[in-house]
Every structure is written in C-alpha cells, then in structure tokens.
PDB file of N, CA and C in Angstrom:
ATOM      1  N   LEU A   1       4.114  18.810 -10.062  1.00  0.00           N
ATOM      2  CA  LEU A   1       5.031  17.881  -9.429  1.00  0.00           C
ATOM      3  C   LEU A   1       6.005  18.629  -8.512  1.00  0.00           C
ATOM      4  N   ASP A   2       6.504  19.762  -8.969  1.00  0.00           N
ATOM      5  CA  ASP A   2       7.408  20.546  -8.118  1.00  0.00           C
ATOM      6  C   ASP A   2       6.707  20.984  -6.836  1.00  0.00           C
ATOM      7  N   THR A   3       5.452  21.387  -6.958  1.00  0.00           N
ATOM      8  CA  THR A   3       4.686  21.817  -5.795  1.00  0.00           C
ATOM      9  C   THR A   3       4.567  20.690  -4.780  1.00  0.00           C
ATOM     10  N   THR A   4       4.328  19.480  -5.262  1.00  0.00           N
ATOM     11  CA  THR A   4       4.215  18.324  -4.367  1.00  0.00           C
ATOM     12  C   THR A   4       5.557  18.010  -3.723  1.00  0.00           C
ATOM     13  N   GLN A   5       6.617  17.987  -4.504  1.00  0.00           N
ATOM     14  CA  GLN A   5       7.935  17.629  -3.978  1.00  0.00           C
ATOM     15  C   GLN A   5       8.463  18.640  -2.967  1.00  0.00           C
ATOM     16  N   THR A   6       8.114  19.899  -3.136  1.00  0.00           N
ATOM     17  CA  THR A   6       8.573  20.925  -2.195  1.00  0.00           C
ATOM     18  C   THR A   6       7.584  21.148  -1.055  1.00  0.00           C
ATOM     19  N   LEU A   7       6.499  20.362  -1.046  1.00  0.00           N
ATOM     20  CA  LEU A   7       5.448  20.453  -0.026  1.00  0.00           C
ATOM     21  C   LEU A   7       4.812  21.834   0.015  1.00  0.00           C
ATOM     22  N   ASN A   8       4.741  22.482  -1.127  1.00  0.00           N
ATOM     23  CA  ASN A   8       4.175  23.819  -1.237  1.00  0.00           C
ATOM     24  C   ASN A   8       2.683  23.722  -1.582  1.00  0.00           C
ATOM     25  N   TYR A   9       1.908  23.128  -0.684  1.00  0.00           N
ATOM     26  CA  TYR A   9       0.475  22.979  -0.904  1.00  0.00           C
ATOM     27  C   TYR A   9      -0.226  22.843   0.439  1.00  0.00           C
ATOM     28  N   GLN A  10      -1.533  23.089   0.431  1.00  0.00           N
ATOM     29  CA  GLN A  10      -2.331  22.880   1.633  1.00  0.00           C
ATOM     30  C   GLN A  10      -3.159  21.601   1.526  1.00  0.00           C
ATOM     31  N   VAL A  11      -3.613  21.296   0.319  1.00  0.00           N
ATOM     32  CA  VAL A  11      -4.388  20.086   0.064  1.00  0.00           C
ATOM     33  C   VAL A  11      -3.883  19.483  -1.229  1.00  0.00           C
ATOM     34  N   SER A  12      -3.769  18.175  -1.255  1.00  0.00           N
ATOM     35  CA  SER A  12      -3.282  17.489  -2.441  1.00  0.00           C
ATOM     36  C   SER A  12      -4.053  16.193  -2.613  1.00  0.00           C
ATOM     37  N   ARG A  13      -4.099  15.708  -3.824  1.00  0.00           N
ATOM     38  CA  ARG A  13      -4.707  14.416  -4.112  1.00  0.00           C
ATOM     39  C   ARG A  13      -3.631  13.530  -4.710  1.00  0.00           C
ATOM     40  N   ALA A  14      -3.533  12.298  -4.217  1.00  0.00           N
ATOM     41  CA  ALA A  14      -2.565  11.343  -4.743  1.00  0.00           C
ATOM     42  C   ALA A  14      -3.179   9.955  -4.661  1.00  0.00           C
ATOM     43  N   GLY A  15      -2.538   9.009  -5.289  1.00  0.00           N
ATOM     44  CA  GLY A  15      -3.024   7.636  -5.248  1.00  0.00           C
ATOM     45  C   GLY A  15      -1.878   6.671  -5.046  1.00  0.00           C
ATOM     46  N   TRP A  16      -2.224   5.484  -4.590  1.00  0.00           N
ATOM     47  CA  TRP A  16      -1.217   4.456  -4.378  1.00  0.00           C
ATOM     48  C   TRP A  16      -1.846   3.102  -4.611  1.00  0.00           C
ATOM     49  N   ILE A  17      -1.163   2.275  -5.364  1.00  0.00           N
ATOM     50  CA  ILE A  17      -1.568   0.889  -5.578  1.00  0.00           C
ATOM     51  C   ILE A  17      -0.412   0.031  -5.092  1.00  0.00           C
ATOM     52  N   GLY A  18      -0.695  -0.918  -4.228  1.00  0.00           N
ATOM     53  CA  GLY A  18       0.353  -1.761  -3.664  1.00  0.00           C
ATOM     54  C   GLY A  18       1.114  -2.539  -4.722  1.00  0.00           C
ATOM     55  N   ASP A  19       2.414  -2.670  -4.504  1.00  0.00           N
ATOM     56  CA  ASP A  19       3.275  -3.416  -5.428  1.00  0.00           C
ATOM     57  C   ASP A  19       3.209  -4.920  -5.198  1.00  0.00           C
ATOM     58  N   TYR A  20       2.987  -5.313  -3.952  1.00  0.00           N
ATOM     59  CA  TYR A  20       3.024  -6.722  -3.591  1.00  0.00           C
ATOM     60  C   TYR A  20       2.054  -6.956  -2.439  1.00  0.00           C
ATOM     61  N   ASP A  21       1.676  -8.198  -2.232  1.00  0.00           N
ATOM     62  CA  ASP A  21       0.642  -8.565  -1.269  1.00  0.00           C
ATOM     63  C   ASP A  21       1.218  -8.682   0.141  1.00  0.00           C
ATOM     64  N   ASP A  22       1.491  -7.531   0.745  1.00  0.00           N
ATOM     65  CA  ASP A  22       2.037  -7.479   2.093  1.00  0.00           C
ATOM     66  C   ASP A  22       1.746  -6.086   2.653  1.00  0.00           C
ATOM     67  N   PRO A  23       1.426  -5.966   3.941  1.00  0.00           N
ATOM     68  CA  PRO A  23       1.133  -4.647   4.504  1.00  0.00           C
ATOM     69  C   PRO A  23       2.257  -3.629   4.315  1.00  0.00           C
ATOM     70  N   HIS A  24       3.488  -4.114   4.224  1.00  0.00           N
ATOM     71  CA  HIS A  24       4.624  -3.195   4.124  1.00  0.00           C
ATOM     72  C   HIS A  24       4.514  -2.264   2.909  1.00  0.00           C
ATOM     73  N   THR A  25       3.945  -2.763   1.816  1.00  0.00           N
ATOM     74  CA  THR A  25       3.839  -1.937   0.612  1.00  0.00           C
ATOM     75  C   THR A  25       2.974  -0.694   0.830  1.00  0.00           C
ATOM     76  N   PHE A  26       2.065  -0.772   1.807  1.00  0.00           N
ATOM     77  CA  PHE A  26       1.205   0.369   2.099  1.00  0.00           C
ATOM     78  C   PHE A  26       1.729   1.209   3.256  1.00  0.00           C
ATOM     79  N   LEU A  27       2.583   0.637   4.082  1.00  0.00           N
ATOM     80  CA  LEU A  27       3.044   1.340   5.275  1.00  0.00           C
ATOM     81  C   LEU A  27       4.402   2.005   5.111  1.00  0.00           C
ATOM     82  N   ASP A  28       5.235   1.516   4.192  1.00  0.00           N
ATOM     83  CA  ASP A  28       6.558   2.137   4.038  1.00  0.00           C
ATOM     84  C   ASP A  28       6.482   3.493   3.356  1.00  0.00           C
ATOM     85  N   MET A  29       5.339   3.820   2.784  1.00  0.00           N
ATOM     86  CA  MET A  29       5.212   5.121   2.122  1.00  0.00           C
ATOM     87  C   MET A  29       5.169   6.286   3.116  1.00  0.00           C
ATOM     88  N   TRP A  30       5.075   5.983   4.407  1.00  0.00           N
ATOM     89  CA  TRP A  30       5.035   7.038   5.419  1.00  0.00           C
ATOM     90  C   TRP A  30       6.363   7.188   6.162  1.00  0.00           C
ATOM     91  N   MET A  31       7.384   6.471   5.738  1.00  0.00           N
ATOM     92  CA  MET A  31       8.709   6.573   6.359  1.00  0.00           C
ATOM     93  C   MET A  31       9.258   7.990   6.158  1.00  0.00           C
ATOM     94  N   THR A  32       9.809   8.558   7.198  1.00  0.00           N
ATOM     95  CA  THR A  32      10.397   9.895   7.107  1.00  0.00           C
ATOM     96  C   THR A  32      11.443   9.926   5.997  1.00  0.00           C
ATOM     97  N   GLY A  33      11.294  10.862   5.078  1.00  0.00           N
ATOM     98  CA  GLY A  33      12.246  11.017   3.985  1.00  0.00           C
ATOM     99  C   GLY A  33      12.113   9.986   2.883  1.00  0.00           C
ATOM    100  N   GLY A  34      11.148   9.082   2.986  1.00  0.00           N
ATOM    101  CA  GLY A  34      10.957   8.061   1.957  1.00  0.00           C
ATOM    102  C   GLY A  34      10.496   8.673   0.641  1.00  0.00           C
ATOM    103  N   GLY A  35      10.857   8.045  -0.446  1.00  0.00           N
ATOM    104  CA  GLY A  35      10.524   8.560  -1.767  1.00  0.00           C
ATOM    105  C   GLY A  35       9.038   8.671  -2.043  1.00  0.00           C
ATOM    106  N   ASN A  36       8.218   7.881  -1.356  1.00  0.00           N
ATOM    107  CA  ASN A  36       6.773   7.943  -1.561  1.00  0.00           C
ATOM    108  C   ASN A  36       6.055   8.777  -0.511  1.00  0.00           C
ATOM    109  N   ASN A  37       6.784   9.292   0.456  1.00  0.00           N
ATOM    110  CA  ASN A  37       6.185  10.145   1.482  1.00  0.00           C
ATOM    111  C   ASN A  37       6.113  11.567   0.937  1.00  0.00           C
ATOM    112  N   GLN A  38       4.984  11.888   0.338  1.00  0.00           N
ATOM    113  CA  GLN A  38       4.820  13.198  -0.297  1.00  0.00           C
ATOM    114  C   GLN A  38       4.060  14.173   0.588  1.00  0.00           C
ATOM    115  N   THR A  39       3.945  13.853   1.875  1.00  0.00           N
ATOM    116  CA  THR A  39       3.225  14.738   2.790  1.00  0.00           C
ATOM    117  C   THR A  39       4.155  15.503   3.720  1.00  0.00           C
ATOM    118  N   GLY A  40       5.379  15.020   3.864  1.00  0.00           N
ATOM    119  CA  GLY A  40       6.288  15.634   4.817  1.00  0.00           C
ATOM    120  C   GLY A  40       6.036  15.165   6.241  1.00  0.00           C
ATOM    121  N   TRP A  41       5.048  14.291   6.417  1.00  0.00           N
ATOM    122  CA  TRP A  41       4.747  13.764   7.748  1.00  0.00           C
ATOM    123  C   TRP A  41       5.931  12.965   8.262  1.00  0.00           C
ATOM    124  N   SER A  42       6.184  13.077   9.554  1.00  0.00           N
ATOM    125  CA  SER A  42       7.328  12.394  10.145  1.00  0.00           C
ATOM    126  C   SER A  42       6.989  11.989  11.571  1.00  0.00           C
ATOM    127  N   ASN A  43       7.383  10.767  11.930  1.00  0.00           N
ATOM    128  CA  ASN A  43       7.159  10.278  13.282  1.00  0.00           C
ATOM    129  C   ASN A  43       8.282   9.288  13.592  1.00  0.00           C
ATOM    130  N   ALA A  44       9.137   9.624  14.535  1.00  0.00           N
ATOM    131  CA  ALA A  44      10.308   8.799  14.849  1.00  0.00           C
ATOM    132  C   ALA A  44       9.915   7.403  15.327  1.00  0.00           C
ATOM    133  N   GLU A  45       8.857   7.301  16.129  1.00  0.00           N
ATOM    134  CA  GLU A  45       8.409   5.993  16.617  1.00  0.00           C
ATOM    135  C   GLU A  45       7.905   5.139  15.456  1.00  0.00           C
ATOM    136  N   TYR A  46       7.191   5.750  14.531  1.00  0.00           N
ATOM    137  CA  TYR A  46       6.715   5.038  13.341  1.00  0.00           C
ATOM    138  C   TYR A  46       7.906   4.499  12.549  1.00  0.00           C
ATOM    139  N   ASP A  47       8.894   5.341  12.315  1.00  0.00           N
ATOM    140  CA  ASP A  47      10.083   4.918  11.564  1.00  0.00           C
ATOM    141  C   ASP A  47      10.794   3.755  12.256  1.00  0.00           C
ATOM    142  N   ARG A  48      10.914   3.831  13.576  1.00  0.00           N
ATOM    143  CA  ARG A  48      11.583   2.778  14.342  1.00  0.00           C
ATOM    144  C   ARG A  48      10.823   1.454  14.221  1.00  0.00           C
ATOM    145  N   LEU A  49       9.508   1.510  14.387  1.00  0.00           N
ATOM    146  CA  LEU A  49       8.690   0.297  14.283  1.00  0.00           C
ATOM    147  C   LEU A  49       8.733  -0.282  12.872  1.00  0.00           C
ATOM    148  N   LEU A  50       8.688   0.590  11.872  1.00  0.00           N
ATOM    149  CA  LEU A  50       8.701   0.123  10.485  1.00  0.00           C
ATOM    150  C   LEU A  50      10.008  -0.601  10.166  1.00  0.00           C
ATOM    151  N   ARG A  51      11.126  -0.036  10.590  1.00  0.00           N
ATOM    152  CA  ARG A  51      12.417  -0.710  10.379  1.00  0.00           C
ATOM    153  C   ARG A  51      12.449  -2.050  11.109  1.00  0.00           C
ATOM    154  N   GLY A  52      11.897  -2.077  12.310  1.00  0.00           N
ATOM    155  CA  GLY A  52      11.857  -3.311  13.084  1.00  0.00           C
ATOM    156  C   GLY A  52      11.002  -4.388  12.433  1.00  0.00           C
ATOM    157  N   ALA A  53       9.947  -3.991  11.755  1.00  0.00           N
ATOM    158  CA  ALA A  53       9.075  -4.967  11.089  1.00  0.00           C
ATOM    159  C   ALA A  53       9.845  -5.761  10.045  1.00  0.00           C
ATOM    160  N   LEU A  54      10.767  -5.113   9.366  1.00  0.00           N
ATOM    161  CA  LEU A  54      11.555  -5.806   8.344  1.00  0.00           C
ATOM    162  C   LEU A  54      12.513  -6.829   8.950  1.00  0.00           C
ATOM    163  N   GLU A  55      12.892  -6.622  10.189  1.00  0.00           N
ATOM    164  CA  GLU A  55      13.838  -7.521  10.850  1.00  0.00           C
ATOM    165  C   GLU A  55      13.144  -8.628  11.640  1.00  0.00           C
ATOM    166  N   THR A  56      11.837  -8.526  11.795  1.00  0.00           N
ATOM    167  CA  THR A  56      11.079  -9.508  12.572  1.00  0.00           C
ATOM    168  C   THR A  56      10.812 -10.742  11.728  1.00  0.00           C
ATOM    169  N   LYS A  57      11.242 -11.892  12.215  1.00  0.00           N
ATOM    170  CA  LYS A  57      11.083 -13.150  11.470  1.00  0.00           C
ATOM    171  C   LYS A  57       9.717 -13.794  11.695  1.00  0.00           C
ATOM    172  N   SER A  58       9.149 -13.596  12.872  1.00  0.00           N
ATOM    173  CA  SER A  58       7.864 -14.204  13.208  1.00  0.00           C
ATOM    174  C   SER A  58       6.730 -13.431  12.528  1.00  0.00           C
ATOM    175  N   GLU A  59       5.939 -14.132  11.732  1.00  0.00           N
ATOM    176  CA  GLU A  59       4.831 -13.481  11.023  1.00  0.00           C
ATOM    177  C   GLU A  59       3.805 -12.870  11.984  1.00  0.00           C
ATOM    178  N   PRO A  60       3.375 -13.563  13.034  1.00  0.00           N
ATOM    179  CA  PRO A  60       2.430 -12.939  13.974  1.00  0.00           C
ATOM    180  C   PRO A  60       3.010 -11.690  14.651  1.00  0.00           C
ATOM    181  N   GLU A  61       4.287 -11.723  15.009  1.00  0.00           N
ATOM    182  CA  GLU A  61       4.915 -10.543  15.623  1.00  0.00           C
ATOM    183  C   GLU A  61       4.989  -9.394  14.620  1.00  0.00           C
ATOM    184  N   ARG A  62       5.305  -9.727  13.386  1.00  0.00           N
ATOM    185  CA  ARG A  62       5.383  -8.711  12.327  1.00  0.00           C
ATOM    186  C   ARG A  62       4.018  -8.054  12.120  1.00  0.00           C
ATOM    187  N   MET A  63       2.959  -8.854  12.076  1.00  0.00           N
ATOM    188  CA  MET A  63       1.615  -8.312  11.891  1.00  0.00           C
ATOM    189  C   MET A  63       1.214  -7.438  13.076  1.00  0.00           C
ATOM    190  N   ALA A  64       1.661  -7.800  14.279  1.00  0.00           N
ATOM    191  CA  ALA A  64       1.384  -6.975  15.459  1.00  0.00           C
ATOM    192  C   ALA A  64       2.062  -5.610  15.334  1.00  0.00           C
ATOM    193  N   VAL A  65       3.271  -5.589  14.784  1.00  0.00           N
ATOM    194  CA  VAL A  65       3.968  -4.318  14.545  1.00  0.00           C
ATOM    195  C   VAL A  65       3.193  -3.488  13.524  1.00  0.00           C
ATOM    196  N   TYR A  66       2.718  -4.127  12.461  1.00  0.00           N
ATOM    197  CA  TYR A  66       1.956  -3.396  11.441  1.00  0.00           C
ATOM    198  C   TYR A  66       0.664  -2.821  12.022  1.00  0.00           C
ATOM    199  N   GLN A  67       0.049  -3.529  12.963  1.00  0.00           N
ATOM    200  CA  GLN A  67      -1.147  -2.989  13.615  1.00  0.00           C
ATOM    201  C   GLN A  67      -0.803  -1.739  14.423  1.00  0.00           C
ATOM    202  N   LYS A  68       0.354  -1.739  15.075  1.00  0.00           N
ATOM    203  CA  LYS A  68       0.797  -0.547  15.810  1.00  0.00           C
ATOM    204  C   LYS A  68       1.030   0.614  14.844  1.00  0.00           C
ATOM    205  N   LEU A  69       1.635   0.312  13.695  1.00  0.00           N
ATOM    206  CA  LEU A  69       1.877   1.352  12.691  1.00  0.00           C
ATOM    207  C   LEU A  69       0.557   1.933  12.193  1.00  0.00           C
ATOM    208  N   GLU A  70      -0.412   1.067  11.937  1.00  0.00           N
ATOM    209  CA  GLU A  70      -1.719   1.539  11.485  1.00  0.00           C
ATOM    210  C   GLU A  70      -2.394   2.401  12.549  1.00  0.00           C
ATOM    211  N   ALA A  71      -2.215   2.047  13.822  1.00  0.00           N
ATOM    212  CA  ALA A  71      -2.791   2.843  14.907  1.00  0.00           C
ATOM    213  C   ALA A  71      -2.175   4.240  14.948  1.00  0.00           C
ATOM    214  N   ILE A  72      -0.874   4.326  14.715  1.00  0.00           N
ATOM    215  CA  ILE A  72      -0.212   5.640  14.671  1.00  0.00           C
ATOM    216  C   ILE A  72      -0.783   6.464  13.521  1.00  0.00           C
ATOM    217  N   LEU A  73      -0.930   5.852  12.356  1.00  0.00           N
ATOM    218  CA  LEU A  73      -1.495   6.570  11.207  1.00  0.00           C
ATOM    219  C   LEU A  73      -2.924   7.018  11.491  1.00  0.00           C
ATOM    220  N   ALA A  74      -3.721   6.153  12.118  1.00  0.00           N
ATOM    221  CA  ALA A  74      -5.111   6.501  12.435  1.00  0.00           C
ATOM    222  C   ALA A  74      -5.173   7.639  13.447  1.00  0.00           C
ATOM    223  N   ASP A  75      -4.209   7.699  14.343  1.00  0.00           N
ATOM    224  CA  ASP A  75      -4.181   8.743  15.360  1.00  0.00           C
ATOM    225  C   ASP A  75      -3.695  10.078  14.798  1.00  0.00           C
ATOM    226  N   GLU A  76      -2.671  10.044  13.962  1.00  0.00           N
ATOM    227  CA  GLU A  76      -2.063  11.284  13.471  1.00  0.00           C
ATOM    228  C   GLU A  76      -2.614  11.748  12.124  1.00  0.00           C
ATOM    229  N   ILE A  77      -3.203  10.880  11.375  1.00  0.00           N
ATOM    230  CA  ILE A  77      -3.875  11.159  10.102  1.00  0.00           C
ATOM    231  C   ILE A  77      -3.045  12.019   9.144  1.00  0.00           C
ATOM    232  N   PRO A  78      -1.941  11.483   8.611  1.00  0.00           N
ATOM    233  CA  PRO A  78      -1.171  12.245   7.623  1.00  0.00           C
ATOM    234  C   PRO A  78      -1.869  12.332   6.264  1.00  0.00           C
ATOM    235  N   ALA A  79      -2.891  11.503   6.067  1.00  0.00           N
ATOM    236  CA  ALA A  79      -3.651  11.530   4.812  1.00  0.00           C
ATOM    237  C   ALA A  79      -5.064  11.031   5.102  1.00  0.00           C
ATOM    238  N   ILE A  80      -5.989  11.426   4.243  1.00  0.00           N
ATOM    239  CA  ILE A  80      -7.377  11.003   4.387  1.00  0.00           C
ATOM    240  C   ILE A  80      -7.780  10.245   3.132  1.00  0.00           C
ATOM    241  N   PRO A  81      -7.999   8.937   3.235  1.00  0.00           N
ATOM    242  CA  PRO A  81      -8.464   8.196   2.053  1.00  0.00           C
ATOM    243  C   PRO A  81      -9.855   8.683   1.653  1.00  0.00           C
ATOM    244  N   ILE A  82     -10.029   8.981   0.379  1.00  0.00           N
ATOM    245  CA  ILE A  82     -11.345   9.432  -0.081  1.00  0.00           C
ATOM    246  C   ILE A  82     -12.029   8.403  -0.968  1.00  0.00           C
ATOM    247  N   TYR A  83     -11.276   7.457  -1.493  1.00  0.00           N
ATOM    248  CA  TYR A  83     -11.874   6.365  -2.253  1.00  0.00           C
ATOM    249  C   TYR A  83     -10.848   5.261  -2.438  1.00  0.00           C
ATOM    250  N   PHE A  84     -11.333   4.111  -2.867  1.00  0.00           N
ATOM    251  CA  PHE A  84     -10.475   2.963  -3.136  1.00  0.00           C
ATOM    252  C   PHE A  84     -10.731   2.506  -4.560  1.00  0.00           C
ATOM    253  N   TYR A  85      -9.677   2.114  -5.255  1.00  0.00           N
ATOM    254  CA  TYR A  85      -9.818   1.596  -6.607  1.00  0.00           C
ATOM    255  C   TYR A  85     -10.563   0.264  -6.570  1.00  0.00           C
ATOM    256  N   THR A  86     -11.493   0.092  -7.469  1.00  0.00           N
ATOM    257  CA  THR A  86     -12.192  -1.184  -7.598  1.00  0.00           C
ATOM    258  C   THR A  86     -12.287  -1.541  -9.072  1.00  0.00           C
ATOM    259  N   ARG A  87     -12.387  -2.831  -9.326  1.00  0.00           N
ATOM    260  CA  ARG A  87     -12.579  -3.310 -10.695  1.00  0.00           C
ATOM    261  C   ARG A  87     -13.581  -4.446 -10.666  1.00  0.00           C
ATOM    262  N   ILE A  88     -14.419  -4.472 -11.662  1.00  0.00           N
ATOM    263  CA  ILE A  88     -15.380  -5.552 -11.819  1.00  0.00           C
ATOM    264  C   ILE A  88     -15.125  -6.172 -13.177  1.00  0.00           C
ATOM    265  N   TYR A  89     -15.004  -7.479 -13.209  1.00  0.00           N
ATOM    266  CA  TYR A  89     -14.721  -8.184 -14.454  1.00  0.00           C
ATOM    267  C   TYR A  89     -15.892  -9.078 -14.828  1.00  0.00           C
ATOM    268  N   ALA A  90     -16.248  -9.051 -16.091  1.00  0.00           N
ATOM    269  CA  ALA A  90     -17.201 -10.006 -16.650  1.00  0.00           C
ATOM    270  C   ALA A  90     -16.357 -10.999 -17.445  1.00  0.00           C
ATOM    271  N   ILE A  91     -16.234 -12.208 -16.940  1.00  0.00           N
ATOM    272  CA  ILE A  91     -15.339 -13.199 -17.528  1.00  0.00           C
ATOM    273  C   ILE A  91     -16.156 -14.273 -18.236  1.00  0.00           C
ATOM    274  N   SER A  92     -15.849 -14.486 -19.475  1.00  0.00           N
ATOM    275  CA  SER A  92     -16.493 -15.542 -20.250  1.00  0.00           C
ATOM    276  C   SER A  92     -16.132 -16.908 -19.669  1.00  0.00           C
ATOM    277  N   PRO A  93     -17.057 -17.854 -19.721  1.00  0.00           N
ATOM    278  CA  PRO A  93     -16.734 -19.219 -19.279  1.00  0.00           C
ATOM    279  C   PRO A  93     -15.593 -19.835 -20.089  1.00  0.00           C
ATOM    280  N   LYS A  94     -15.286 -19.267 -21.250  1.00  0.00           N
ATOM    281  CA  LYS A  94     -14.180 -19.771 -22.068  1.00  0.00           C
ATOM    282  C   LYS A  94     -12.813 -19.414 -21.482  1.00  0.00           C
ATOM    283  N   VAL A  95     -12.783 -18.428 -20.615  1.00  0.00           N
ATOM    284  CA  VAL A  95     -11.516 -18.009 -20.007  1.00  0.00           C
ATOM    285  C   VAL A  95     -11.167 -18.984 -18.884  1.00  0.00           C
ATOM    286  N   LYS A  96     -10.002 -19.576 -18.963  1.00  0.00           N
ATOM    287  CA  LYS A  96      -9.556 -20.573 -17.989  1.00  0.00           C
ATOM    288  C   LYS A  96      -8.349 -20.046 -17.206  1.00  0.00           C
ATOM    289  N   ASN A  97      -8.251 -20.456 -15.963  1.00  0.00           N
ATOM    290  CA  ASN A  97      -7.133 -20.118 -15.064  1.00  0.00           C
ATOM    291  C   ASN A  97      -7.119 -18.652 -14.627  1.00  0.00           C
ATOM    292  N   TRP A  98      -8.259 -17.994 -14.692  1.00  0.00           N
ATOM    293  CA  TRP A  98      -8.375 -16.625 -14.180  1.00  0.00           C
ATOM    294  C   TRP A  98      -8.507 -16.713 -12.662  1.00  0.00           C
ATOM    295  N   VAL A  99      -7.605 -16.082 -11.946  1.00  0.00           N
ATOM    296  CA  VAL A  99      -7.623 -16.128 -10.486  1.00  0.00           C
ATOM    297  C   VAL A  99      -7.624 -14.700  -9.955  1.00  0.00           C
ATOM    298  N   SER A 100      -8.541 -14.409  -9.051  1.00  0.00           N
ATOM    299  CA  SER A 100      -8.572 -13.089  -8.423  1.00  0.00           C
ATOM    300  C   SER A 100      -7.486 -13.006  -7.360  1.00  0.00           C
ATOM    301  N   SER A 101      -7.016 -11.793  -7.117  1.00  0.00           N
ATOM    302  CA  SER A 101      -6.034 -11.576  -6.057  1.00  0.00           C
ATOM    303  C   SER A 101      -6.360 -10.269  -5.348  1.00  0.00           C
ATOM    304  N   PRO A 102      -5.957 -10.124  -4.096  1.00  0.00           N
ATOM    305  CA  PRO A 102      -6.275  -8.904  -3.349  1.00  0.00           C
ATOM    306  C   PRO A 102      -5.764  -7.624  -4.017  1.00  0.00           C
ATOM    307  N   LEU A 103      -4.641  -7.700  -4.713  1.00  0.00           N
ATOM    308  CA  LEU A 103      -4.076  -6.513  -5.356  1.00  0.00           C
ATOM    309  C   LEU A 103      -4.438  -6.429  -6.833  1.00  0.00           C
ATOM    310  N   ASP A 104      -5.275  -7.348  -7.301  1.00  0.00           N
ATOM    311  CA  ASP A 104      -5.725  -7.373  -8.685  1.00  0.00           C
ATOM    312  C   ASP A 104      -4.580  -7.613  -9.661  1.00  0.00           C
ATOM    313  N   ASN A 105      -3.585  -8.373  -9.226  1.00  0.00           N
ATOM    314  CA  ASN A 105      -2.480  -8.755 -10.107  1.00  0.00           C
ATOM    315  C   ASN A 105      -2.847 -10.041 -10.828  1.00  0.00           C
ATOM    316  N   ARG A 106      -2.358 -10.207 -12.027  1.00  0.00           N
ATOM    317  CA  ARG A 106      -2.657 -11.398 -12.820  1.00  0.00           C
ATOM    318  C   ARG A 106      -1.376 -12.066 -13.283  1.00  0.00           C
ATOM    319  N   ALA A 107      -1.384 -13.386 -13.269  1.00  0.00           N
ATOM    320  CA  ALA A 107      -0.323 -14.153 -13.924  1.00  0.00           C
ATOM    321  C   ALA A 107      -0.847 -14.447 -15.327  1.00  0.00           C
ATOM    322  N   TRP A 108      -0.756 -13.460 -16.196  1.00  0.00           N
ATOM    323  CA  TRP A 108      -1.368 -13.542 -17.530  1.00  0.00           C
ATOM    324  C   TRP A 108      -0.872 -14.734 -18.340  1.00  0.00           C
ATOM    325  N   LYS A 109       0.347 -15.170 -18.111  1.00  0.00           N
ATOM    326  CA  LYS A 109       0.883 -16.265 -18.921  1.00  0.00           C
ATOM    327  C   LYS A 109       0.140 -17.576 -18.676  1.00  0.00           C
ATOM    328  N   TRP A 110      -0.607 -17.695 -17.575  1.00  0.00           N
ATOM    329  CA  TRP A 110      -1.333 -18.928 -17.274  1.00  0.00           C
ATOM    330  C   TRP A 110      -2.794 -18.867 -17.712  1.00  0.00           C
ATOM    331  N   ILE A 111      -3.258 -17.716 -18.144  1.00  0.00           N
ATOM    332  CA  ILE A 111      -4.660 -17.582 -18.550  1.00  0.00           C
ATOM    333  C   ILE A 111      -4.821 -18.075 -19.983  1.00  0.00           C
ATOM    334  N   ASP A 112      -5.824 -18.932 -20.171  1.00  0.00           N
ATOM    335  CA  ASP A 112      -6.086 -19.514 -21.491  1.00  0.00           C
ATOM    336  C   ASP A 112      -7.503 -19.184 -21.933  1.00  0.00           C
ATOM    337  N   LEU A 113      -7.707 -19.304 -23.231  1.00  0.00           N
ATOM    338  CA  LEU A 113      -9.031 -19.136 -23.814  1.00  0.00           C
ATOM    339  C   LEU A 113      -9.408 -20.457 -24.466  1.00  0.00           C
ATOM    340  N   ALA A 114     -10.447 -21.086 -23.935  1.00  0.00           N
ATOM    341  CA  ALA A 114     -10.891 -22.376 -24.473  1.00  0.00           C
ATOM    342  C   ALA A 114     -11.586 -22.165 -25.821  1.00  0.00           C
ATOM    343  N   PRO A 115     -11.526 -23.174 -26.687  1.00  0.00           N
ATOM    344  CA  PRO A 115     -12.197 -23.046 -27.999  1.00  0.00           C
ATOM    345  C   PRO A 115     -13.706 -22.993 -27.858  1.00  0.00           C
TER     346      PRO A 115
END
C-alpha cells in the first residue's frame, strides 16, 4: 500500500467497482490529487471538464462532457484495463423481484422467496 501511495512502482494492478449508476463514478478517479487516483496521472483540461460536468444541469450536455473526458483518457492512457468483473446468476423460479442492474447492485429487501 505504501508503494502505491508514494507512486514507487513501474507497473501496478488495481480494481474499481462503480458506487452508483453514473459515468462520474468511473471518471472522477482520474482527478488530479483525488483519493482514488493512484497513478499520479494529471491533466488540467481533464480536471476542468470534470468539475464542469458536476455543474452542468442538462443531461445531454453532461454526457457530451463525459465523452470528452473518455477521449482524453483514451488518448493519454493512464491505465490499461485488463479485465472486467462479471457475474452469472442461476436464479430459481421461486425467487421473486430479482432485478438486474448495470452495476450489479441489489435492493435485497424487495427480493422474496415463494413457497
């Protein structure tokens, strides 16, 4: 952990699972000095756009900003994704109210088991 925090490495492996269903949860981790930015990567234009996304009220405009942020990441490549987490569920027909979500979050209190 100390090696990661002090950026004393050449190659590192890390993982991230989004907290909420919004692009911001995946893009704010690259903010300069952010607590989840464990690469030391920094880009002033990226930081400016990211802050602006939070202030943008229009959803289409906000998504356009996120596309610009993704383009910066694709161009500068501060990290290389090597795999994505996946889960496969075998659900009994007795299980009721099971709903899939993009982030694999569950509202467990609504799931029932039929007799």
